[in-house]
């Protein structure tokens, strides 16, 4: 059975008939917790309605609204494909959407989250990152995450560091892919405290 988000139900008419927020049919992911996405990386995806999403917390450990951004998965990334996907150097650059797709999505997502900041103050970030098999261009997996005001080193925010640590754990066989995905989707800040 497909999972539907409250904003998707309320905004079906606003989304002009695009099923499940433009993400295609929803298939259950590992442990039935996260959905696999069929959203195209080359098509601008509709976002939740303006002002409908509310981040939890504040600052660099802010969490997305779980109704709007619960996380979604890339069906090409499963345990059997790790060596040819997320554990292969450079793989994420082969699936990352173009800025011409993500920039209008980012602005619409910022409006959904009620943000009035400069776009440069936010990173349009994958909740379940590409390097852990997160959906490439699904509004359920992307949100405007606060970014450092200045570029300070390789990792720009704590979540970036956590993503790399979890990727290394998965690729070395010390953590299952599904566990890493669920840790970061459910509460990435808590996972950062434990693993970051």
N, C-alpha and C. Protein backbone atom coordinates (compact mmCIF):
# COMPACT_ATOMS: atom_id res chain seq x y z
N UNK A 1 0.84 -1.17 0.00
CA UNK A 1 0.00 0.00 0.00
C UNK A 1 0.89 1.24 0.00
N UNK A 2 0.54 2.24 -0.75
CA UNK A 2 1.34 3.45 -0.88
C UNK A 2 1.21 4.31 0.37
N UNK A 3 2.33 4.92 0.79
CA UNK A 3 2.30 5.89 1.88
C UNK A 3 1.99 7.24 1.27
N UNK A 4 1.12 7.99 1.90
CA UNK A 4 0.85 9.34 1.46
C UNK A 4 1.14 10.29 2.59
N UNK A 5 1.69 11.42 2.26
CA UNK A 5 2.02 12.42 3.25
C UNK A 5 0.85 13.37 3.40
N UNK A 6 0.64 13.92 4.61
CA UNK A 6 -0.48 14.83 4.81
C UNK A 6 -0.51 15.97 3.82
N UNK A 7 0.68 16.58 3.50
CA UNK A 7 0.66 17.70 2.56
C UNK A 7 0.32 17.23 1.16
N UNK A 8 0.63 15.98 0.84
CA UNK A 8 0.27 15.46 -0.48
C UNK A 8 -1.23 15.31 -0.59
N UNK A 9 -1.86 14.85 0.50
CA UNK A 9 -3.31 14.71 0.48
C UNK A 9 -3.99 16.06 0.37
N UNK A 10 -3.48 17.03 1.15
CA UNK A 10 -4.08 18.35 1.13
C UNK A 10 -3.79 19.10 -0.16
N UNK A 11 -2.69 18.78 -0.79
CA UNK A 11 -2.27 19.55 -1.95
C UNK A 11 -2.41 18.84 -3.27
N UNK A 12 -3.23 17.79 -3.33
CA UNK A 12 -3.36 17.03 -4.58
C UNK A 12 -3.82 17.93 -5.71
N UNK A 13 -4.82 18.77 -5.46
CA UNK A 13 -5.30 19.65 -6.52
C UNK A 13 -4.21 20.64 -6.92
N UNK A 14 -3.47 21.15 -5.94
CA UNK A 14 -2.41 22.11 -6.23
C UNK A 14 -1.29 21.47 -7.04
N UNK A 15 -1.10 20.21 -6.89
CA UNK A 15 -0.04 19.52 -7.62
C UNK A 15 -0.50 19.06 -8.99
N UNK A 16 -1.69 19.48 -9.38
CA UNK A 16 -2.22 19.21 -10.72
C UNK A 16 -2.15 17.74 -11.10
N UNK A 17 -2.56 16.92 -10.17
CA UNK A 17 -2.68 15.50 -10.49
C UNK A 17 -1.38 14.73 -10.49
N UNK A 18 -0.27 15.34 -10.06
CA UNK A 18 0.98 14.61 -10.02
C UNK A 18 0.94 13.70 -8.80
N UNK A 19 0.95 12.42 -9.03
CA UNK A 19 0.82 11.45 -7.93
C UNK A 19 2.02 11.50 -7.02
N UNK A 20 1.74 11.45 -5.74
CA UNK A 20 2.78 11.36 -4.71
C UNK A 20 3.89 12.39 -4.90
N UNK A 21 3.49 13.62 -5.09
CA UNK A 21 4.44 14.74 -5.18
C UNK A 21 5.41 14.60 -6.33
N UNK A 22 5.00 14.01 -7.42
CA UNK A 22 5.87 13.86 -8.57
C UNK A 22 6.87 12.75 -8.40
N UNK A 23 6.71 11.95 -7.39
CA UNK A 23 7.70 10.93 -7.09
C UNK A 23 7.35 9.58 -7.70
N UNK A 24 6.28 9.48 -8.43
CA UNK A 24 5.89 8.20 -8.99
C UNK A 24 5.28 7.32 -7.92
N UNK A 25 5.03 6.09 -8.23
CA UNK A 25 4.45 5.17 -7.27
C UNK A 25 5.41 4.95 -6.11
N UNK A 26 4.88 4.75 -4.95
CA UNK A 26 5.68 4.58 -3.76
C UNK A 26 5.78 3.10 -3.41
N UNK A 27 6.97 2.59 -3.41
CA UNK A 27 7.20 1.22 -2.98
C UNK A 27 7.89 1.28 -1.63
N UNK A 28 7.55 0.40 -0.75
CA UNK A 28 8.15 0.39 0.59
C UNK A 28 9.64 0.07 0.50
N UNK A 29 10.43 0.74 1.32
CA UNK A 29 11.85 0.51 1.38
C UNK A 29 12.19 -0.49 2.46
N UNK A 30 13.45 -0.55 2.87
CA UNK A 30 13.88 -1.48 3.91
C UNK A 30 13.03 -1.33 5.17
N UNK A 31 12.65 -2.44 5.71
CA UNK A 31 11.85 -2.49 6.94
C UNK A 31 10.55 -1.73 6.79
N UNK A 32 10.12 -1.46 5.57
CA UNK A 32 8.87 -0.75 5.34
C UNK A 32 8.89 0.70 5.77
N UNK A 33 10.06 1.24 6.13
CA UNK A 33 10.12 2.57 6.71
C UNK A 33 10.29 3.69 5.69
N UNK A 34 11.07 3.48 4.67
CA UNK A 34 11.33 4.51 3.68
C UNK A 34 10.86 4.01 2.31
N UNK A 35 10.32 4.91 1.53
CA UNK A 35 9.82 4.56 0.20
C UNK A 35 10.93 4.67 -0.83
N UNK A 36 10.87 3.82 -1.83
CA UNK A 36 11.73 3.95 -3.00
C UNK A 36 11.10 4.97 -3.94
N UNK A 37 11.92 5.73 -4.61
CA UNK A 37 11.46 6.81 -5.47
C UNK A 37 11.62 6.47 -6.95
N UNK A 38 10.73 7.01 -7.74
CA UNK A 38 10.85 6.92 -9.19
C UNK A 38 10.90 8.32 -9.82
N UNK A 39 11.15 9.33 -9.00
CA UNK A 39 11.19 10.71 -9.48
C UNK A 39 12.38 10.89 -10.43
N UNK A 40 12.13 11.56 -11.53
CA UNK A 40 13.17 11.81 -12.52
C UNK A 40 14.16 12.86 -12.04
N UNK A 41 15.43 12.63 -12.30
CA UNK A 41 16.46 13.59 -11.95
C UNK A 41 16.52 14.75 -12.93
N UNK A 42 15.83 14.63 -14.05
CA UNK A 42 15.91 15.67 -15.08
C UNK A 42 14.64 16.51 -15.18
N UNK A 43 13.70 16.32 -14.26
CA UNK A 43 12.44 17.06 -14.29
C UNK A 43 12.27 17.78 -12.96
N UNK A 44 11.93 19.08 -13.00
CA UNK A 44 11.68 19.83 -11.78
C UNK A 44 10.45 19.22 -11.10
N UNK A 45 10.63 18.82 -9.85
CA UNK A 45 9.56 18.15 -9.10
C UNK A 45 8.76 19.17 -8.29
N UNK A 46 7.43 18.98 -8.21
CA UNK A 46 6.61 19.87 -7.37
C UNK A 46 6.99 19.70 -5.90
N UNK A 47 6.86 20.78 -5.16
CA UNK A 47 7.21 20.80 -3.74
C UNK A 47 5.92 20.95 -2.91
N UNK A 48 6.01 20.73 -1.60
CA UNK A 48 4.85 20.95 -0.74
C UNK A 48 4.37 22.40 -0.83
N UNK A 49 3.11 22.64 -0.49
CA UNK A 49 2.58 24.01 -0.55
C UNK A 49 3.34 24.97 0.37
N UNK A 50 3.34 26.22 -0.03
CA UNK A 50 4.01 27.31 0.71
C UNK A 50 3.58 27.30 2.19
N UNK A 51 4.59 27.37 3.08
CA UNK A 51 4.33 27.49 4.51
C UNK A 51 3.82 26.22 5.19
N UNK A 52 3.83 25.11 4.49
CA UNK A 52 3.25 23.87 5.02
C UNK A 52 4.24 23.02 5.82
N UNK A 53 5.53 23.32 5.73
CA UNK A 53 6.55 22.51 6.38
C UNK A 53 7.22 23.31 7.50
N UNK A 54 7.59 22.62 8.58
CA UNK A 54 8.17 23.29 9.73
C UNK A 54 9.34 22.48 10.25
N UNK A 55 10.54 23.04 10.14
CA UNK A 55 11.75 22.37 10.62
C UNK A 55 11.68 22.24 12.14
N UNK A 56 12.39 21.23 12.63
CA UNK A 56 12.49 21.01 14.08
C UNK A 56 13.89 21.41 14.52
N UNK A 57 13.98 22.13 15.63
CA UNK A 57 15.26 22.60 16.11
C UNK A 57 15.69 23.85 15.35
N UNK A 58 16.97 24.17 15.47
CA UNK A 58 17.47 25.34 14.77
C UNK A 58 18.97 25.20 14.55
N UNK A 59 19.48 26.06 13.72
CA UNK A 59 20.91 26.07 13.45
C UNK A 59 21.37 24.87 12.64
N UNK A 60 22.61 24.52 12.81
CA UNK A 60 23.22 23.49 11.99
C UNK A 60 22.74 22.08 12.30
N UNK A 61 22.03 21.88 13.40
CA UNK A 61 21.49 20.56 13.73
C UNK A 61 19.98 20.51 13.51
N UNK A 62 19.48 21.43 12.70
CA UNK A 62 18.05 21.47 12.39
C UNK A 62 17.61 20.20 11.64
N UNK A 63 16.43 19.72 11.97
CA UNK A 63 15.87 18.54 11.31
C UNK A 63 14.71 18.96 10.43
N UNK A 64 14.53 18.29 9.30
CA UNK A 64 13.40 18.64 8.43
C UNK A 64 12.08 18.17 9.01
N UNK A 65 11.00 18.71 8.52
CA UNK A 65 9.65 18.30 8.91
C UNK A 65 9.43 16.88 8.40
N UNK A 66 9.17 15.90 9.26
CA UNK A 66 9.01 14.52 8.79
C UNK A 66 7.78 14.31 7.92
N UNK A 67 6.81 15.23 7.98
CA UNK A 67 5.64 15.11 7.09
C UNK A 67 6.01 15.49 5.66
N UNK A 68 6.91 16.44 5.53
CA UNK A 68 7.31 16.93 4.21
C UNK A 68 8.55 16.21 3.68
N UNK A 69 9.46 15.91 4.58
CA UNK A 69 10.75 15.34 4.19
C UNK A 69 11.05 14.11 5.06
N UNK A 70 10.35 13.00 4.80
CA UNK A 70 10.61 11.79 5.59
C UNK A 70 11.81 11.00 5.10
N UNK A 71 12.30 11.34 3.90
CA UNK A 71 13.36 10.57 3.26
C UNK A 71 12.77 9.63 2.23
N UNK A 72 13.53 9.34 1.20
CA UNK A 72 13.14 8.40 0.15
C UNK A 72 14.42 7.83 -0.44
N UNK A 73 14.29 6.66 -1.05
CA UNK A 73 15.47 5.90 -1.49
C UNK A 73 15.55 5.74 -3.00
N UNK A 74 16.77 5.57 -3.46
CA UNK A 74 17.06 5.28 -4.86
C UNK A 74 16.97 3.76 -5.04
N UNK A 75 16.05 3.26 -5.88
CA UNK A 75 15.90 1.81 -6.04
C UNK A 75 17.11 1.12 -6.66
N UNK A 76 18.02 1.89 -7.26
CA UNK A 76 19.23 1.30 -7.85
C UNK A 76 20.27 0.94 -6.80
N UNK A 77 20.10 1.47 -5.58
CA UNK A 77 21.09 1.23 -4.53
C UNK A 77 20.51 0.24 -3.52
N UNK A 78 21.01 -0.97 -3.58
CA UNK A 78 20.65 -2.02 -2.64
C UNK A 78 21.94 -2.72 -2.22
N UNK A 79 21.86 -3.57 -1.25
CA UNK A 79 23.06 -4.24 -0.75
C UNK A 79 23.85 -4.91 -1.87
N UNK A 80 23.16 -5.53 -2.81
CA UNK A 80 23.83 -6.26 -3.89
C UNK A 80 24.55 -5.34 -4.88
N UNK A 81 24.22 -4.04 -4.89
CA UNK A 81 24.83 -3.13 -5.87
C UNK A 81 25.80 -2.13 -5.23
N UNK A 82 26.13 -2.30 -3.97
CA UNK A 82 26.97 -1.31 -3.28
C UNK A 82 28.28 -1.04 -4.01
N UNK A 83 28.95 -2.08 -4.48
CA UNK A 83 30.26 -1.88 -5.10
C UNK A 83 30.19 -1.11 -6.42
N UNK A 84 29.03 -1.13 -7.07
CA UNK A 84 28.90 -0.42 -8.35
C UNK A 84 28.12 0.88 -8.20
N UNK A 85 27.72 1.20 -6.96
CA UNK A 85 26.99 2.46 -6.74
C UNK A 85 27.71 3.27 -5.67
N UNK A 86 27.19 3.29 -4.47
CA UNK A 86 27.69 4.22 -3.45
C UNK A 86 29.11 3.96 -2.98
N UNK A 87 29.62 2.77 -3.18
CA UNK A 87 30.99 2.46 -2.75
C UNK A 87 32.00 2.66 -3.88
N UNK A 88 31.54 3.11 -5.03
CA UNK A 88 32.42 3.37 -6.17
C UNK A 88 32.73 4.87 -6.21
N UNK A 89 34.00 5.20 -6.19
CA UNK A 89 34.42 6.60 -6.20
C UNK A 89 33.79 7.34 -7.39
N UNK A 90 33.20 8.50 -7.08
CA UNK A 90 32.64 9.35 -8.13
C UNK A 90 31.22 9.02 -8.56
N UNK A 91 30.63 7.96 -7.99
CA UNK A 91 29.30 7.54 -8.44
C UNK A 91 28.24 8.61 -8.24
N UNK A 92 28.28 9.32 -7.11
CA UNK A 92 27.23 10.31 -6.86
C UNK A 92 27.18 11.40 -7.93
N UNK A 93 28.32 11.74 -8.50
CA UNK A 93 28.33 12.77 -9.55
C UNK A 93 27.62 12.30 -10.81
N UNK A 94 27.47 11.00 -10.97
CA UNK A 94 26.78 10.48 -12.16
C UNK A 94 25.26 10.51 -12.02
N UNK A 95 24.76 10.71 -10.80
CA UNK A 95 23.31 10.70 -10.59
C UNK A 95 22.77 12.03 -10.08
N UNK A 96 23.64 12.93 -9.68
CA UNK A 96 23.20 14.22 -9.11
C UNK A 96 22.47 15.05 -10.15
N UNK A 97 21.30 15.59 -9.80
CA UNK A 97 20.55 16.42 -10.76
C UNK A 97 21.28 17.73 -11.07
N UNK A 98 20.98 18.28 -12.23
CA UNK A 98 21.57 19.54 -12.65
C UNK A 98 21.01 20.69 -11.83
N UNK A 99 21.80 21.75 -11.69
CA UNK A 99 21.35 22.93 -10.95
C UNK A 99 20.11 23.55 -11.60
N UNK A 100 19.96 23.42 -12.90
CA UNK A 100 18.77 23.96 -13.58
C UNK A 100 17.49 23.25 -13.11
N UNK A 101 17.62 22.07 -12.56
CA UNK A 101 16.50 21.34 -11.98
C UNK A 101 16.36 21.69 -10.50
N UNK A 102 17.47 21.65 -9.77
CA UNK A 102 17.39 21.80 -8.31
C UNK A 102 17.19 23.24 -7.83
N UNK A 103 17.64 24.23 -8.59
CA UNK A 103 17.50 25.62 -8.12
C UNK A 103 16.03 26.03 -7.99
N UNK A 104 15.16 25.79 -9.00
CA UNK A 104 13.75 26.14 -8.80
C UNK A 104 13.09 25.29 -7.71
N UNK A 105 13.54 24.05 -7.56
CA UNK A 105 13.01 23.20 -6.49
C UNK A 105 13.41 23.77 -5.12
N UNK A 106 14.66 24.19 -5.01
CA UNK A 106 15.16 24.75 -3.74
C UNK A 106 14.34 25.96 -3.34
N UNK A 107 14.09 26.86 -4.27
CA UNK A 107 13.32 28.07 -3.96
C UNK A 107 11.90 27.71 -3.53
N UNK A 108 11.27 26.75 -4.20
CA UNK A 108 9.92 26.31 -3.83
C UNK A 108 9.94 25.60 -2.49
N UNK A 109 10.99 24.83 -2.22
CA UNK A 109 11.11 24.14 -0.93
C UNK A 109 11.32 25.15 0.20
N UNK A 110 12.11 26.19 -0.07
CA UNK A 110 12.29 27.24 0.93
C UNK A 110 10.95 27.90 1.26
N UNK A 111 10.12 28.13 0.23
CA UNK A 111 8.79 28.70 0.46
C UNK A 111 7.93 27.73 1.27
N UNK A 112 8.02 26.44 0.97
CA UNK A 112 7.25 25.43 1.72
C UNK A 112 7.64 25.45 3.19
N UNK A 113 8.92 25.67 3.46
CA UNK A 113 9.41 25.72 4.84
C UNK A 113 9.29 27.13 5.45
N UNK A 114 8.71 28.07 4.71
CA UNK A 114 8.49 29.41 5.23
C UNK A 114 9.76 30.21 5.43
N UNK A 115 10.81 29.88 4.67
CA UNK A 115 12.09 30.57 4.83
C UNK A 115 12.12 31.84 3.98
N UNK A 116 12.65 32.89 4.57
CA UNK A 116 12.78 34.17 3.87
C UNK A 116 14.25 34.58 3.79
N UNK A 117 15.12 33.62 3.94
CA UNK A 117 16.56 33.88 3.89
C UNK A 117 17.04 33.88 2.44
N UNK A 118 18.27 34.30 2.26
CA UNK A 118 18.89 34.20 0.93
C UNK A 118 19.04 32.72 0.59
N UNK A 119 18.90 32.40 -0.66
CA UNK A 119 19.06 31.00 -1.09
C UNK A 119 20.46 30.49 -0.75
N UNK A 120 21.44 31.36 -0.77
CA UNK A 120 22.81 30.93 -0.47
C UNK A 120 23.01 30.56 1.00
N UNK A 121 22.06 30.93 1.87
CA UNK A 121 22.15 30.58 3.29
C UNK A 121 21.66 29.17 3.56
N UNK A 122 21.11 28.53 2.54
CA UNK A 122 20.56 27.19 2.69
C UNK A 122 21.20 26.25 1.66
N UNK A 123 21.39 25.02 2.07
CA UNK A 123 21.83 23.98 1.15
C UNK A 123 20.61 23.13 0.83
N UNK A 124 20.31 22.94 -0.45
CA UNK A 124 19.20 22.05 -0.83
C UNK A 124 19.75 20.65 -0.70
N UNK A 125 19.48 20.02 0.42
CA UNK A 125 20.19 18.82 0.81
C UNK A 125 19.31 17.58 0.76
N UNK A 126 19.93 16.47 0.45
CA UNK A 126 19.27 15.17 0.50
C UNK A 126 19.25 14.70 1.95
N UNK A 127 18.08 14.41 2.50
CA UNK A 127 18.02 13.88 3.86
C UNK A 127 18.78 12.56 3.92
N UNK A 128 18.36 11.57 3.12
CA UNK A 128 19.17 10.37 2.95
C UNK A 128 20.10 10.71 1.80
N UNK A 129 21.39 10.89 2.07
CA UNK A 129 22.30 11.40 1.04
C UNK A 129 22.49 10.42 -0.12
N UNK A 130 22.91 10.95 -1.24
CA UNK A 130 23.19 10.11 -2.41
C UNK A 130 24.19 9.03 -2.05
N UNK A 131 25.16 9.35 -1.20
CA UNK A 131 26.20 8.37 -0.86
C UNK A 131 25.71 7.29 0.10
N UNK A 132 24.42 7.36 0.49
CA UNK A 132 23.79 6.27 1.24
C UNK A 132 22.56 5.75 0.49
N UNK A 133 22.47 6.05 -0.80
CA UNK A 133 21.37 5.54 -1.61
C UNK A 133 20.09 6.33 -1.49
N UNK A 134 20.18 7.60 -1.15
CA UNK A 134 19.00 8.44 -1.08
C UNK A 134 18.45 8.75 -2.46
N UNK A 135 17.14 8.99 -2.51
CA UNK A 135 16.49 9.34 -3.77
C UNK A 135 17.16 10.59 -4.34
N UNK A 136 17.39 10.55 -5.64
CA UNK A 136 18.16 11.59 -6.32
C UNK A 136 17.43 12.92 -6.38
N UNK A 137 16.14 12.90 -6.72
CA UNK A 137 15.41 14.16 -6.93
C UNK A 137 13.96 14.02 -6.51
N UNK A 138 13.74 13.62 -5.31
CA UNK A 138 12.39 13.41 -4.79
C UNK A 138 12.15 14.42 -3.68
N UNK A 139 11.05 15.19 -3.73
CA UNK A 139 10.81 16.20 -2.69
C UNK A 139 10.72 15.61 -1.29
N UNK A 140 10.44 14.32 -1.18
CA UNK A 140 10.40 13.68 0.14
C UNK A 140 11.80 13.48 0.71
N UNK A 141 12.82 13.70 -0.11
CA UNK A 141 14.20 13.48 0.34
C UNK A 141 15.06 14.73 0.27
N UNK A 142 14.48 15.86 -0.05
CA UNK A 142 15.25 17.11 -0.18
C UNK A 142 14.61 18.20 0.65
N UNK A 143 15.45 19.01 1.28
CA UNK A 143 14.94 20.14 2.05
C UNK A 143 16.02 21.20 2.16
N UNK A 144 15.61 22.46 2.47
CA UNK A 144 16.58 23.55 2.61
C UNK A 144 17.23 23.48 4.00
N UNK A 145 18.43 22.96 4.03
CA UNK A 145 19.17 22.79 5.29
C UNK A 145 20.06 24.01 5.52
N UNK A 146 20.08 24.54 6.76
CA UNK A 146 20.97 25.67 7.04
C UNK A 146 22.42 25.30 6.74
N UNK A 147 23.15 26.25 6.18
CA UNK A 147 24.55 26.02 5.83
C UNK A 147 25.41 26.99 6.61
N UNK A 148 26.69 26.68 6.72
CA UNK A 148 27.61 27.61 7.35
C UNK A 148 27.59 28.93 6.58
N UNK A 149 27.77 30.01 7.33
CA UNK A 149 27.80 31.33 6.69
C UNK A 149 29.02 31.49 5.80
N UNK A 150 30.12 30.84 6.18
CA UNK A 150 31.33 30.89 5.37
C UNK A 150 31.81 29.47 5.13
N UNK A 151 32.52 29.28 4.08
CA UNK A 151 33.06 27.96 3.74
C UNK A 151 34.28 27.71 4.64
N UNK A 152 34.15 26.77 5.56
CA UNK A 152 35.23 26.52 6.52
C UNK A 152 35.65 25.06 6.44
N UNK A 153 36.53 24.75 5.53
CA UNK A 153 37.01 23.38 5.43
C UNK A 153 36.20 22.55 4.46
N UNK A 154 36.54 21.26 4.37
CA UNK A 154 35.89 20.37 3.40
C UNK A 154 34.44 20.11 3.75
N UNK A 155 34.16 19.82 5.02
CA UNK A 155 32.79 19.57 5.44
C UNK A 155 32.16 20.88 5.85
N UNK A 156 31.08 21.24 5.19
CA UNK A 156 30.46 22.53 5.43
C UNK A 156 29.51 22.51 6.60
N UNK A 157 28.97 21.36 6.95
CA UNK A 157 28.09 21.27 8.10
C UNK A 157 28.22 19.88 8.72
N UNK A 158 27.70 19.71 9.92
CA UNK A 158 27.87 18.41 10.60
C UNK A 158 27.26 17.24 9.82
N UNK A 159 26.17 17.45 9.12
CA UNK A 159 25.53 16.36 8.41
C UNK A 159 26.44 15.83 7.30
N UNK A 160 27.19 16.71 6.64
CA UNK A 160 28.12 16.26 5.59
C UNK A 160 29.14 15.28 6.16
N UNK A 161 29.67 15.59 7.32
CA UNK A 161 30.64 14.69 7.96
C UNK A 161 30.00 13.34 8.29
N UNK A 162 28.80 13.38 8.86
CA UNK A 162 28.08 12.15 9.20
C UNK A 162 27.85 11.29 7.96
N UNK A 163 27.47 11.91 6.86
CA UNK A 163 27.21 11.17 5.62
C UNK A 163 28.44 10.38 5.21
N UNK A 164 29.60 11.00 5.29
CA UNK A 164 30.84 10.32 4.89
C UNK A 164 31.18 9.18 5.85
N UNK A 165 31.01 9.42 7.14
CA UNK A 165 31.28 8.38 8.14
C UNK A 165 30.37 7.17 7.91
N UNK A 166 29.08 7.41 7.72
CA UNK A 166 28.14 6.30 7.51
C UNK A 166 28.42 5.57 6.19
N UNK A 167 28.80 6.31 5.15
CA UNK A 167 29.16 5.67 3.89
C UNK A 167 30.35 4.72 4.09
N UNK A 168 31.33 5.16 4.82
CA UNK A 168 32.51 4.30 5.08
C UNK A 168 32.13 3.06 5.88
N UNK A 169 31.24 3.22 6.86
CA UNK A 169 30.79 2.07 7.64
C UNK A 169 30.04 1.06 6.77
N UNK A 170 29.18 1.56 5.90
CA UNK A 170 28.42 0.68 5.00
C UNK A 170 29.36 -0.01 4.02
N UNK A 171 30.23 0.75 3.39
CA UNK A 171 31.11 0.19 2.36
C UNK A 171 32.15 -0.77 2.93
N UNK A 172 32.46 -0.65 4.22
CA UNK A 172 33.40 -1.58 4.85
C UNK A 172 32.68 -2.79 5.44
N UNK A 173 31.36 -2.81 5.37
CA UNK A 173 30.59 -3.93 5.89
C UNK A 173 30.35 -3.87 7.39
N UNK A 174 30.68 -2.73 8.03
CA UNK A 174 30.49 -2.61 9.48
C UNK A 174 29.11 -2.13 9.87
N UNK A 175 28.29 -1.71 8.88
CA UNK A 175 26.91 -1.29 9.14
C UNK A 175 26.09 -1.64 7.91
N UNK A 176 24.86 -2.07 8.11
CA UNK A 176 24.01 -2.37 6.96
C UNK A 176 23.53 -1.09 6.30
N UNK A 177 23.28 -1.16 5.03
CA UNK A 177 22.77 -0.02 4.28
C UNK A 177 21.46 0.47 4.88
N UNK A 178 20.54 -0.44 5.16
CA UNK A 178 19.24 -0.02 5.68
C UNK A 178 19.36 0.65 7.04
N UNK A 179 20.27 0.17 7.89
CA UNK A 179 20.46 0.81 9.20
C UNK A 179 20.97 2.24 9.03
N UNK A 180 21.95 2.44 8.16
CA UNK A 180 22.49 3.78 7.93
C UNK A 180 21.41 4.71 7.38
N UNK A 181 20.61 4.21 6.45
CA UNK A 181 19.54 5.03 5.87
C UNK A 181 18.52 5.44 6.92
N UNK A 182 18.12 4.49 7.76
CA UNK A 182 17.14 4.80 8.80
C UNK A 182 17.70 5.73 9.86
N UNK A 183 18.96 5.55 10.25
CA UNK A 183 19.57 6.43 11.24
C UNK A 183 19.52 7.88 10.79
N UNK A 184 19.89 8.10 9.55
CA UNK A 184 19.98 9.47 9.07
C UNK A 184 18.59 10.05 8.77
N UNK A 185 17.66 9.22 8.29
CA UNK A 185 16.32 9.71 7.98
C UNK A 185 15.51 10.02 9.24
N UNK A 186 15.64 9.20 10.25
CA UNK A 186 14.82 9.39 11.46
C UNK A 186 15.30 10.55 12.32
N UNK A 187 16.62 10.69 12.47
CA UNK A 187 17.15 11.77 13.31
C UNK A 187 18.64 11.91 13.02
N UNK A 188 18.98 12.61 11.97
CA UNK A 188 20.39 12.70 11.59
C UNK A 188 21.21 13.38 12.68
N UNK A 189 20.62 14.34 13.42
CA UNK A 189 21.37 15.01 14.47
C UNK A 189 21.74 14.04 15.59
N UNK A 190 20.82 13.16 15.95
CA UNK A 190 21.11 12.14 16.95
C UNK A 190 22.19 11.18 16.44
N UNK A 191 22.11 10.80 15.17
CA UNK A 191 23.12 9.93 14.58
C UNK A 191 24.47 10.64 14.55
N UNK A 192 24.47 11.94 14.31
CA UNK A 192 25.72 12.70 14.32
C UNK A 192 26.37 12.64 15.70
N UNK A 193 25.57 12.77 16.73
CA UNK A 193 26.10 12.73 18.10
C UNK A 193 26.72 11.36 18.38
N UNK A 194 26.14 10.31 17.80
CA UNK A 194 26.63 8.95 18.06
C UNK A 194 27.81 8.55 17.16
N UNK A 195 27.80 9.02 15.89
CA UNK A 195 28.78 8.56 14.91
C UNK A 195 29.67 9.64 14.33
N UNK A 196 29.25 10.91 14.43
CA UNK A 196 29.97 11.99 13.77
C UNK A 196 31.24 12.35 14.42
